[in-house]
Amino acid sequence: MRSVTYSMSVSLDGYIVGPVDWSAPTEEVFRLATEEVRGVAAIWKAMPKVVFSTTLSAVEGNARLASGSPAEEIERLRAEPGDGDIAIGGATLAAEVAAAGLIDEYLVRVHPVLVGGGTPFFAHRERRVDLELVENRTLSGKVAFLRYRVAR
C-alpha cells in the first residue's frame, strides 16, 4: 500500500505561512527539498495528479479534478496498483487527510523564527496522534529537519 507524506517548512511556533518572509531556503535546505522530490521531478509531467479545488471547473495536462473528498481520493489512490508514495501539500488539504487518519509520515523543516501567526502546519483539532522519530538532522547549522512516522 502506498504511503502518504505531508512535508512543509514551518516556523518554530508552528506556522507554514506568516506575516513576514522567513522561509527562504539555504542551499542545504533547498537540496533536501530537492532530494524529497528527486524521483518525482524526473517524471513530473507523466505523473498523474489530483487537484482539489472548489473554484476550478477544469484542469490541464496529466491531472484530474478530484470528484470526492480528500479522504475518499486518498483511499482510492492507495488502493490503485503501482509504486510511489502520495505527497500532500498545503495545510488545509493535509488537515482533512490527517483528520481521517491517512497520513503516514510528517517531514518537517523547522526554521528558527517565531512569526506570531498565520497558517498553522497542524490543524487545531482535538485528535491525538502518536509519532515515532525516524530521522533528525540540522541543516545549514540552523534548520532542524524532522521525519516522523505515525505509530500504528
N, C-alpha and C. Protein backbone atom coordinates (compact mmCIF):
# COMPACT_ATOMS: atom_id res chain seq x y z
N MET A 1 0.84 -1.18 0.00
CA MET A 1 0.00 0.00 0.00
C MET A 1 0.89 1.24 0.00
N ARG A 2 0.48 2.24 -0.72
CA ARG A 2 1.25 3.48 -0.81
C ARG A 2 1.21 4.26 0.49
N SER A 3 2.31 4.94 0.76
CA SER A 3 2.43 5.75 1.96
C SER A 3 2.04 7.19 1.63
N VAL A 4 1.44 7.88 2.60
CA VAL A 4 1.03 9.28 2.42
C VAL A 4 1.93 10.14 3.30
N THR A 5 2.57 11.15 2.68
CA THR A 5 3.52 12.01 3.37
C THR A 5 3.10 13.47 3.25
N TYR A 6 3.22 14.19 4.36
CA TYR A 6 2.97 15.63 4.39
C TYR A 6 4.30 16.30 4.74
N SER A 7 4.77 17.17 3.85
CA SER A 7 6.08 17.80 4.02
C SER A 7 5.97 19.30 3.82
N MET A 8 6.50 20.07 4.78
CA MET A 8 6.47 21.54 4.69
C MET A 8 7.59 22.12 5.54
N SER A 9 7.92 23.37 5.26
CA SER A 9 8.76 24.16 6.15
C SER A 9 7.82 24.83 7.15
N VAL A 10 8.30 24.99 8.38
CA VAL A 10 7.45 25.54 9.43
C VAL A 10 8.28 26.42 10.35
N SER A 11 7.67 27.47 10.87
CA SER A 11 8.34 28.31 11.86
C SER A 11 8.34 27.56 13.19
N LEU A 12 9.19 27.96 14.11
CA LEU A 12 9.26 27.29 15.41
C LEU A 12 7.93 27.34 16.15
N ASP A 13 7.13 28.38 15.92
CA ASP A 13 5.83 28.46 16.58
C ASP A 13 4.71 27.80 15.77
N GLY A 14 5.09 27.04 14.73
CA GLY A 14 4.13 26.16 14.08
C GLY A 14 3.40 26.66 12.86
N TYR A 15 3.90 27.70 12.19
CA TYR A 15 3.19 28.25 11.04
C TYR A 15 3.95 27.98 9.74
N ILE A 16 3.20 27.70 8.67
CA ILE A 16 3.82 27.49 7.36
C ILE A 16 3.79 28.75 6.52
N VAL A 17 2.88 29.64 6.83
CA VAL A 17 2.79 30.94 6.16
C VAL A 17 2.53 31.96 7.25
N GLY A 18 3.28 33.04 7.21
CA GLY A 18 3.12 34.05 8.24
C GLY A 18 3.14 35.44 7.65
N PRO A 19 3.10 36.44 8.53
CA PRO A 19 3.04 37.83 8.07
C PRO A 19 4.34 38.36 7.49
N VAL A 20 5.45 37.64 7.66
CA VAL A 20 6.73 38.09 7.12
C VAL A 20 7.39 36.94 6.36
N ASP A 21 8.30 37.28 5.45
CA ASP A 21 9.02 36.26 4.68
C ASP A 21 10.12 35.68 5.55
N TRP A 22 10.04 34.41 5.87
CA TRP A 22 11.01 33.77 6.74
C TRP A 22 11.52 32.43 6.23
N SER A 23 10.90 31.89 5.20
CA SER A 23 11.22 30.52 4.82
C SER A 23 12.09 30.39 3.58
N ALA A 24 12.78 31.46 3.17
CA ALA A 24 13.68 31.34 2.02
C ALA A 24 14.74 30.30 2.36
N PRO A 25 14.88 29.24 1.55
CA PRO A 25 15.77 28.16 1.92
C PRO A 25 17.24 28.47 1.67
N THR A 26 18.07 27.94 2.55
CA THR A 26 19.51 27.96 2.30
C THR A 26 19.78 26.90 1.23
N GLU A 27 21.00 26.85 0.75
CA GLU A 27 21.34 25.86 -0.28
C GLU A 27 21.11 24.44 0.24
N GLU A 28 21.48 24.18 1.49
CA GLU A 28 21.31 22.83 2.04
C GLU A 28 19.84 22.47 2.22
N VAL A 29 19.02 23.40 2.67
CA VAL A 29 17.58 23.15 2.82
C VAL A 29 16.96 22.92 1.45
N PHE A 30 17.36 23.70 0.47
CA PHE A 30 16.85 23.53 -0.90
C PHE A 30 17.24 22.15 -1.44
N ARG A 31 18.47 21.73 -1.17
CA ARG A 31 18.95 20.43 -1.63
C ARG A 31 18.12 19.30 -1.00
N LEU A 32 17.79 19.42 0.28
CA LEU A 32 16.95 18.41 0.95
C LEU A 32 15.57 18.35 0.30
N ALA A 33 14.97 19.50 0.07
CA ALA A 33 13.65 19.53 -0.57
C ALA A 33 13.72 18.91 -1.96
N THR A 34 14.82 19.16 -2.66
CA THR A 34 15.00 18.58 -3.99
C THR A 34 15.14 17.06 -3.90
N GLU A 35 15.87 16.58 -2.89
CA GLU A 35 16.00 15.13 -2.68
C GLU A 35 14.65 14.49 -2.44
N GLU A 36 13.78 15.18 -1.70
CA GLU A 36 12.45 14.65 -1.41
C GLU A 36 11.66 14.39 -2.68
N VAL A 37 11.88 15.23 -3.69
CA VAL A 37 11.10 15.09 -4.93
C VAL A 37 11.94 14.63 -6.12
N ARG A 38 13.18 14.16 -5.86
CA ARG A 38 14.07 13.77 -6.95
C ARG A 38 13.40 12.78 -7.90
N GLY A 39 12.83 11.73 -7.37
CA GLY A 39 12.16 10.75 -8.21
C GLY A 39 10.95 11.34 -8.91
N VAL A 40 10.33 12.28 -8.25
CA VAL A 40 9.15 12.92 -8.81
C VAL A 40 9.53 13.86 -9.95
N ALA A 41 10.62 14.61 -9.79
CA ALA A 41 10.98 15.64 -10.77
C ALA A 41 11.22 15.07 -12.15
N ALA A 42 11.85 13.89 -12.21
CA ALA A 42 12.17 13.29 -13.50
C ALA A 42 10.92 12.85 -14.26
N ILE A 43 9.86 12.56 -13.55
CA ILE A 43 8.65 12.05 -14.21
C ILE A 43 7.42 12.92 -13.94
N TRP A 44 7.66 14.17 -13.54
CA TRP A 44 6.56 15.04 -13.11
C TRP A 44 5.44 15.16 -14.14
N LYS A 45 5.79 15.41 -15.39
CA LYS A 45 4.75 15.59 -16.41
C LYS A 45 3.93 14.33 -16.61
N ALA A 46 4.58 13.19 -16.58
CA ALA A 46 3.88 11.92 -16.81
C ALA A 46 3.10 11.46 -15.58
N MET A 47 3.49 11.95 -14.42
CA MET A 47 2.85 11.50 -13.18
C MET A 47 1.41 11.99 -13.10
N PRO A 48 0.49 11.08 -12.78
CA PRO A 48 -0.90 11.53 -12.60
C PRO A 48 -1.02 12.41 -11.36
N LYS A 49 -1.82 13.44 -11.47
CA LYS A 49 -2.00 14.39 -10.37
C LYS A 49 -3.49 14.53 -10.09
N VAL A 50 -3.80 14.79 -8.84
CA VAL A 50 -5.18 15.05 -8.42
C VAL A 50 -5.21 16.46 -7.86
N VAL A 51 -6.12 17.27 -8.37
CA VAL A 51 -6.24 18.66 -7.94
C VAL A 51 -7.53 18.79 -7.14
N PHE A 52 -7.41 19.33 -5.93
CA PHE A 52 -8.57 19.59 -5.08
C PHE A 52 -8.86 21.08 -5.17
N SER A 53 -10.04 21.44 -5.63
CA SER A 53 -10.37 22.85 -5.78
C SER A 53 -11.88 23.03 -5.69
N THR A 54 -12.26 24.13 -5.08
CA THR A 54 -13.68 24.49 -5.05
C THR A 54 -13.98 25.57 -6.06
N THR A 55 -12.94 26.07 -6.75
CA THR A 55 -13.16 27.16 -7.71
C THR A 55 -12.89 26.76 -9.15
N LEU A 56 -12.09 25.73 -9.38
CA LEU A 56 -11.78 25.32 -10.75
C LEU A 56 -12.85 24.39 -11.30
N SER A 57 -13.10 24.52 -12.60
CA SER A 57 -14.04 23.60 -13.24
C SER A 57 -13.31 22.62 -14.15
N ALA A 58 -12.03 22.89 -14.45
CA ALA A 58 -11.24 22.01 -15.30
C ALA A 58 -9.76 22.18 -14.97
N VAL A 59 -8.97 21.15 -15.26
CA VAL A 59 -7.52 21.20 -15.10
C VAL A 59 -6.88 20.70 -16.39
N GLU A 60 -5.59 20.98 -16.56
CA GLU A 60 -4.89 20.61 -17.79
C GLU A 60 -3.83 19.57 -17.53
N GLY A 61 -3.29 19.03 -18.62
CA GLY A 61 -2.18 18.07 -18.53
C GLY A 61 -2.64 16.75 -17.96
N ASN A 62 -1.72 16.09 -17.30
CA ASN A 62 -1.99 14.78 -16.73
C ASN A 62 -2.56 14.93 -15.32
N ALA A 63 -3.60 15.70 -15.22
CA ALA A 63 -4.24 15.96 -13.93
C ALA A 63 -5.74 15.75 -14.06
N ARG A 64 -6.34 15.46 -12.93
CA ARG A 64 -7.79 15.38 -12.91
C ARG A 64 -8.30 16.12 -11.68
N LEU A 65 -9.47 16.65 -11.82
CA LEU A 65 -10.11 17.36 -10.72
C LEU A 65 -10.73 16.32 -9.79
N ALA A 66 -10.45 16.41 -8.52
CA ALA A 66 -10.98 15.44 -7.56
C ALA A 66 -12.50 15.46 -7.58
N SER A 67 -13.07 14.28 -7.55
CA SER A 67 -14.53 14.19 -7.55
C SER A 67 -15.08 13.88 -6.16
N GLY A 68 -14.22 13.35 -5.29
CA GLY A 68 -14.66 13.02 -3.94
C GLY A 68 -13.95 13.87 -2.91
N SER A 69 -14.18 13.53 -1.67
CA SER A 69 -13.50 14.23 -0.58
C SER A 69 -12.02 13.84 -0.61
N PRO A 70 -11.16 14.62 0.04
CA PRO A 70 -9.75 14.23 0.10
C PRO A 70 -9.56 12.82 0.67
N ALA A 71 -10.29 12.47 1.70
CA ALA A 71 -10.16 11.13 2.29
C ALA A 71 -10.55 10.06 1.28
N GLU A 72 -11.63 10.27 0.55
CA GLU A 72 -12.06 9.29 -0.47
C GLU A 72 -11.02 9.16 -1.57
N GLU A 73 -10.48 10.28 -2.02
CA GLU A 73 -9.48 10.26 -3.09
C GLU A 73 -8.20 9.56 -2.64
N ILE A 74 -7.74 9.83 -1.41
CA ILE A 74 -6.53 9.20 -0.91
C ILE A 74 -6.74 7.69 -0.78
N GLU A 75 -7.87 7.28 -0.25
CA GLU A 75 -8.17 5.85 -0.14
C GLU A 75 -8.16 5.19 -1.51
N ARG A 76 -8.72 5.85 -2.50
CA ARG A 76 -8.75 5.29 -3.85
C ARG A 76 -7.34 5.21 -4.43
N LEU A 77 -6.54 6.27 -4.25
CA LEU A 77 -5.17 6.26 -4.76
C LEU A 77 -4.33 5.17 -4.08
N ARG A 78 -4.53 4.99 -2.78
CA ARG A 78 -3.79 3.95 -2.06
C ARG A 78 -4.12 2.55 -2.59
N ALA A 79 -5.35 2.36 -3.01
CA ALA A 79 -5.80 1.04 -3.47
C ALA A 79 -5.36 0.73 -4.90
N GLU A 80 -5.00 1.76 -5.67
CA GLU A 80 -4.58 1.53 -7.05
C GLU A 80 -3.24 0.81 -7.09
N PRO A 81 -3.04 -0.06 -8.08
CA PRO A 81 -1.74 -0.72 -8.20
C PRO A 81 -0.67 0.28 -8.63
N GLY A 82 0.57 -0.04 -8.29
CA GLY A 82 1.67 0.81 -8.69
C GLY A 82 2.56 1.18 -7.54
N ASP A 83 3.67 1.80 -7.89
CA ASP A 83 4.65 2.21 -6.89
C ASP A 83 4.54 3.70 -6.66
N GLY A 84 5.24 4.14 -5.64
CA GLY A 84 5.31 5.58 -5.37
C GLY A 84 4.41 6.00 -4.24
N ASP A 85 4.92 6.92 -3.48
CA ASP A 85 4.15 7.45 -2.37
C ASP A 85 3.22 8.56 -2.83
N ILE A 86 2.34 8.95 -1.94
CA ILE A 86 1.40 10.03 -2.20
C ILE A 86 1.86 11.22 -1.36
N ALA A 87 2.15 12.33 -2.01
CA ALA A 87 2.62 13.53 -1.32
C ALA A 87 1.48 14.52 -1.19
N ILE A 88 1.31 15.04 0.01
CA ILE A 88 0.27 16.02 0.30
C ILE A 88 0.94 17.38 0.46
N GLY A 89 0.39 18.39 -0.16
CA GLY A 89 0.89 19.75 0.00
C GLY A 89 -0.24 20.65 0.44
N GLY A 90 0.06 21.57 1.31
CA GLY A 90 -0.93 22.54 1.75
C GLY A 90 -1.59 22.14 3.05
N ALA A 91 -1.65 23.07 3.97
CA ALA A 91 -2.14 22.79 5.31
C ALA A 91 -3.62 22.42 5.34
N THR A 92 -4.44 23.04 4.53
CA THR A 92 -5.88 22.76 4.55
C THR A 92 -6.16 21.34 4.10
N LEU A 93 -5.55 20.95 2.99
CA LEU A 93 -5.72 19.58 2.49
C LEU A 93 -5.13 18.58 3.48
N ALA A 94 -3.95 18.85 3.99
CA ALA A 94 -3.30 17.94 4.94
C ALA A 94 -4.14 17.78 6.20
N ALA A 95 -4.76 18.85 6.67
CA ALA A 95 -5.59 18.77 7.88
C ALA A 95 -6.75 17.80 7.69
N GLU A 96 -7.38 17.86 6.54
CA GLU A 96 -8.52 16.97 6.28
C GLU A 96 -8.06 15.52 6.16
N VAL A 97 -6.94 15.31 5.48
CA VAL A 97 -6.40 13.96 5.32
C VAL A 97 -5.93 13.42 6.67
N ALA A 98 -5.30 14.26 7.48
CA ALA A 98 -4.84 13.84 8.81
C ALA A 98 -6.02 13.51 9.71
N ALA A 99 -7.09 14.29 9.63
CA ALA A 99 -8.28 14.03 10.46
C ALA A 99 -8.88 12.66 10.15
N ALA A 100 -8.68 12.19 8.92
CA ALA A 100 -9.18 10.87 8.54
C ALA A 100 -8.17 9.77 8.88
N GLY A 101 -7.03 10.15 9.48
CA GLY A 101 -6.02 9.18 9.88
C GLY A 101 -5.24 8.58 8.72
N LEU A 102 -5.08 9.35 7.63
CA LEU A 102 -4.47 8.81 6.42
C LEU A 102 -3.03 9.25 6.17
N ILE A 103 -2.45 10.09 7.03
CA ILE A 103 -1.06 10.49 6.84
C ILE A 103 -0.17 9.50 7.57
N ASP A 104 0.85 9.00 6.85
CA ASP A 104 1.78 8.02 7.41
C ASP A 104 3.05 8.66 7.94
N GLU A 105 3.52 9.73 7.27
CA GLU A 105 4.75 10.39 7.68
C GLU A 105 4.62 11.91 7.58
N TYR A 106 5.29 12.58 8.52
CA TYR A 106 5.39 14.03 8.51
C TYR A 106 6.86 14.38 8.35
N LEU A 107 7.19 15.19 7.34
CA LEU A 107 8.54 15.68 7.14
C LEU A 107 8.51 17.18 7.39
N VAL A 108 9.24 17.61 8.40
CA VAL A 108 9.15 18.99 8.86
C VAL A 108 10.53 19.63 8.86
N ARG A 109 10.63 20.81 8.22
CA ARG A 109 11.84 21.61 8.28
C ARG A 109 11.53 22.81 9.17
N VAL A 110 12.04 22.78 10.41
CA VAL A 110 11.72 23.81 11.41
C VAL A 110 12.73 24.95 11.32
N HIS A 111 12.23 26.14 10.99
CA HIS A 111 13.07 27.34 10.87
C HIS A 111 13.10 28.08 12.20
N PRO A 112 14.25 28.64 12.56
CA PRO A 112 14.41 29.31 13.85
C PRO A 112 13.83 30.72 13.84
N VAL A 113 12.52 30.78 13.78
CA VAL A 113 11.85 32.08 13.79
C VAL A 113 10.46 31.90 14.41
N LEU A 114 10.02 32.92 15.13
CA LEU A 114 8.66 32.96 15.67
C LEU A 114 7.92 34.03 14.88
N VAL A 115 6.90 33.63 14.14
CA VAL A 115 6.21 34.60 13.28
C VAL A 115 4.93 35.14 13.92
N GLY A 116 4.44 34.48 14.96
CA GLY A 116 3.32 35.02 15.71
C GLY A 116 1.94 34.81 15.14
N GLY A 117 1.83 34.17 14.00
CA GLY A 117 0.51 33.92 13.42
C GLY A 117 0.62 33.54 11.97
N GLY A 118 -0.49 33.14 11.41
CA GLY A 118 -0.51 32.73 10.01
C GLY A 118 -1.24 31.43 9.84
N THR A 119 -0.86 30.67 8.83
CA THR A 119 -1.47 29.37 8.57
C THR A 119 -0.69 28.31 9.33
N PRO A 120 -1.35 27.57 10.24
CA PRO A 120 -0.63 26.58 11.04
C PRO A 120 -0.30 25.32 10.25
N PHE A 121 0.82 24.69 10.58
CA PHE A 121 1.22 23.41 9.99
C PHE A 121 0.22 22.33 10.37
N PHE A 122 -0.15 22.29 11.65
CA PHE A 122 -1.10 21.31 12.14
C PHE A 122 -2.44 21.97 12.38
N ALA A 123 -3.49 21.29 11.98
CA ALA A 123 -4.83 21.80 12.23
C ALA A 123 -5.10 21.76 13.73
N HIS A 124 -5.90 22.69 14.20
CA HIS A 124 -6.26 22.73 15.61
C HIS A 124 -7.49 21.86 15.83
N ARG A 125 -7.24 20.59 15.93
CA ARG A 125 -8.33 19.63 16.16
C ARG A 125 -7.96 18.80 17.37
N GLU A 126 -8.95 18.37 18.08
CA GLU A 126 -8.70 17.56 19.26
C GLU A 126 -8.58 16.10 18.86
N ARG A 127 -7.39 15.75 18.41
CA ARG A 127 -7.13 14.38 17.99
C ARG A 127 -5.67 14.07 18.28
N ARG A 128 -5.45 13.10 19.11
CA ARG A 128 -4.08 12.71 19.45
C ARG A 128 -3.55 11.74 18.39
N VAL A 129 -2.30 11.97 17.98
CA VAL A 129 -1.61 11.09 17.05
C VAL A 129 -0.21 10.86 17.61
N ASP A 130 0.12 9.62 17.92
CA ASP A 130 1.45 9.30 18.41
C ASP A 130 2.38 9.10 17.22
N LEU A 131 3.59 9.67 17.34
CA LEU A 131 4.56 9.63 16.26
C LEU A 131 5.87 9.00 16.73
N GLU A 132 6.60 8.41 15.78
CA GLU A 132 7.92 7.87 16.05
C GLU A 132 8.93 8.68 15.25
N LEU A 133 9.97 9.18 15.92
CA LEU A 133 11.02 9.92 15.23
C LEU A 133 11.85 8.94 14.42
N VAL A 134 11.90 9.13 13.09
CA VAL A 134 12.62 8.25 12.19
C VAL A 134 13.97 8.85 11.81
N GLU A 135 14.01 10.18 11.71
CA GLU A 135 15.24 10.85 11.28
C GLU A 135 15.23 12.28 11.82
N ASN A 136 16.42 12.76 12.17
CA ASN A 136 16.57 14.17 12.51
C ASN A 136 17.98 14.61 12.17
N ARG A 137 18.10 15.84 11.71
CA ARG A 137 19.40 16.43 11.42
C ARG A 137 19.27 17.95 11.35
N THR A 138 20.41 18.60 11.44
CA THR A 138 20.43 20.05 11.36
C THR A 138 20.94 20.46 9.99
N LEU A 139 20.26 21.40 9.36
CA LEU A 139 20.61 21.88 8.03
C LEU A 139 21.15 23.30 8.12
N SER A 140 22.27 23.53 7.50
CA SER A 140 22.90 24.87 7.47
C SER A 140 23.11 25.43 8.87
N GLY A 141 23.24 24.55 9.84
CA GLY A 141 23.51 24.98 11.21
C GLY A 141 22.36 25.66 11.91
N LYS A 142 21.16 25.67 11.28
CA LYS A 142 20.06 26.37 11.97
C LYS A 142 18.68 25.78 11.72
N VAL A 143 18.46 25.06 10.66
CA VAL A 143 17.14 24.49 10.36
C VAL A 143 17.14 23.03 10.79
N ALA A 144 16.15 22.65 11.61
CA ALA A 144 16.03 21.26 12.05
C ALA A 144 15.13 20.50 11.09
N PHE A 145 15.63 19.39 10.58
CA PHE A 145 14.82 18.51 9.74
C PHE A 145 14.38 17.34 10.60
N LEU A 146 13.07 17.12 10.65
CA LEU A 146 12.50 16.05 11.44
C LEU A 146 11.60 15.19 10.56
N ARG A 147 11.77 13.89 10.67
CA ARG A 147 10.92 12.97 9.92
C ARG A 147 10.27 12.04 10.92
N TYR A 148 8.94 12.12 11.00
CA TYR A 148 8.17 11.31 11.94
C TYR A 148 7.26 10.35 11.17
N ARG A 149 7.15 9.15 11.70
CA ARG A 149 6.22 8.16 11.16
C ARG A 149 5.09 8.01 12.18
N VAL A 150 3.87 7.91 11.70
CA VAL A 150 2.73 7.71 12.59
C VAL A 150 2.84 6.32 13.20
N ALA A 151 2.75 6.26 14.52
CA ALA A 151 2.80 4.97 15.24
C ALA A 151 1.43 4.31 15.11
N ARG A 152 1.41 3.15 14.53
CA ARG A 152 0.13 2.43 14.33
C ARG A 152 0.14 1.15 15.11
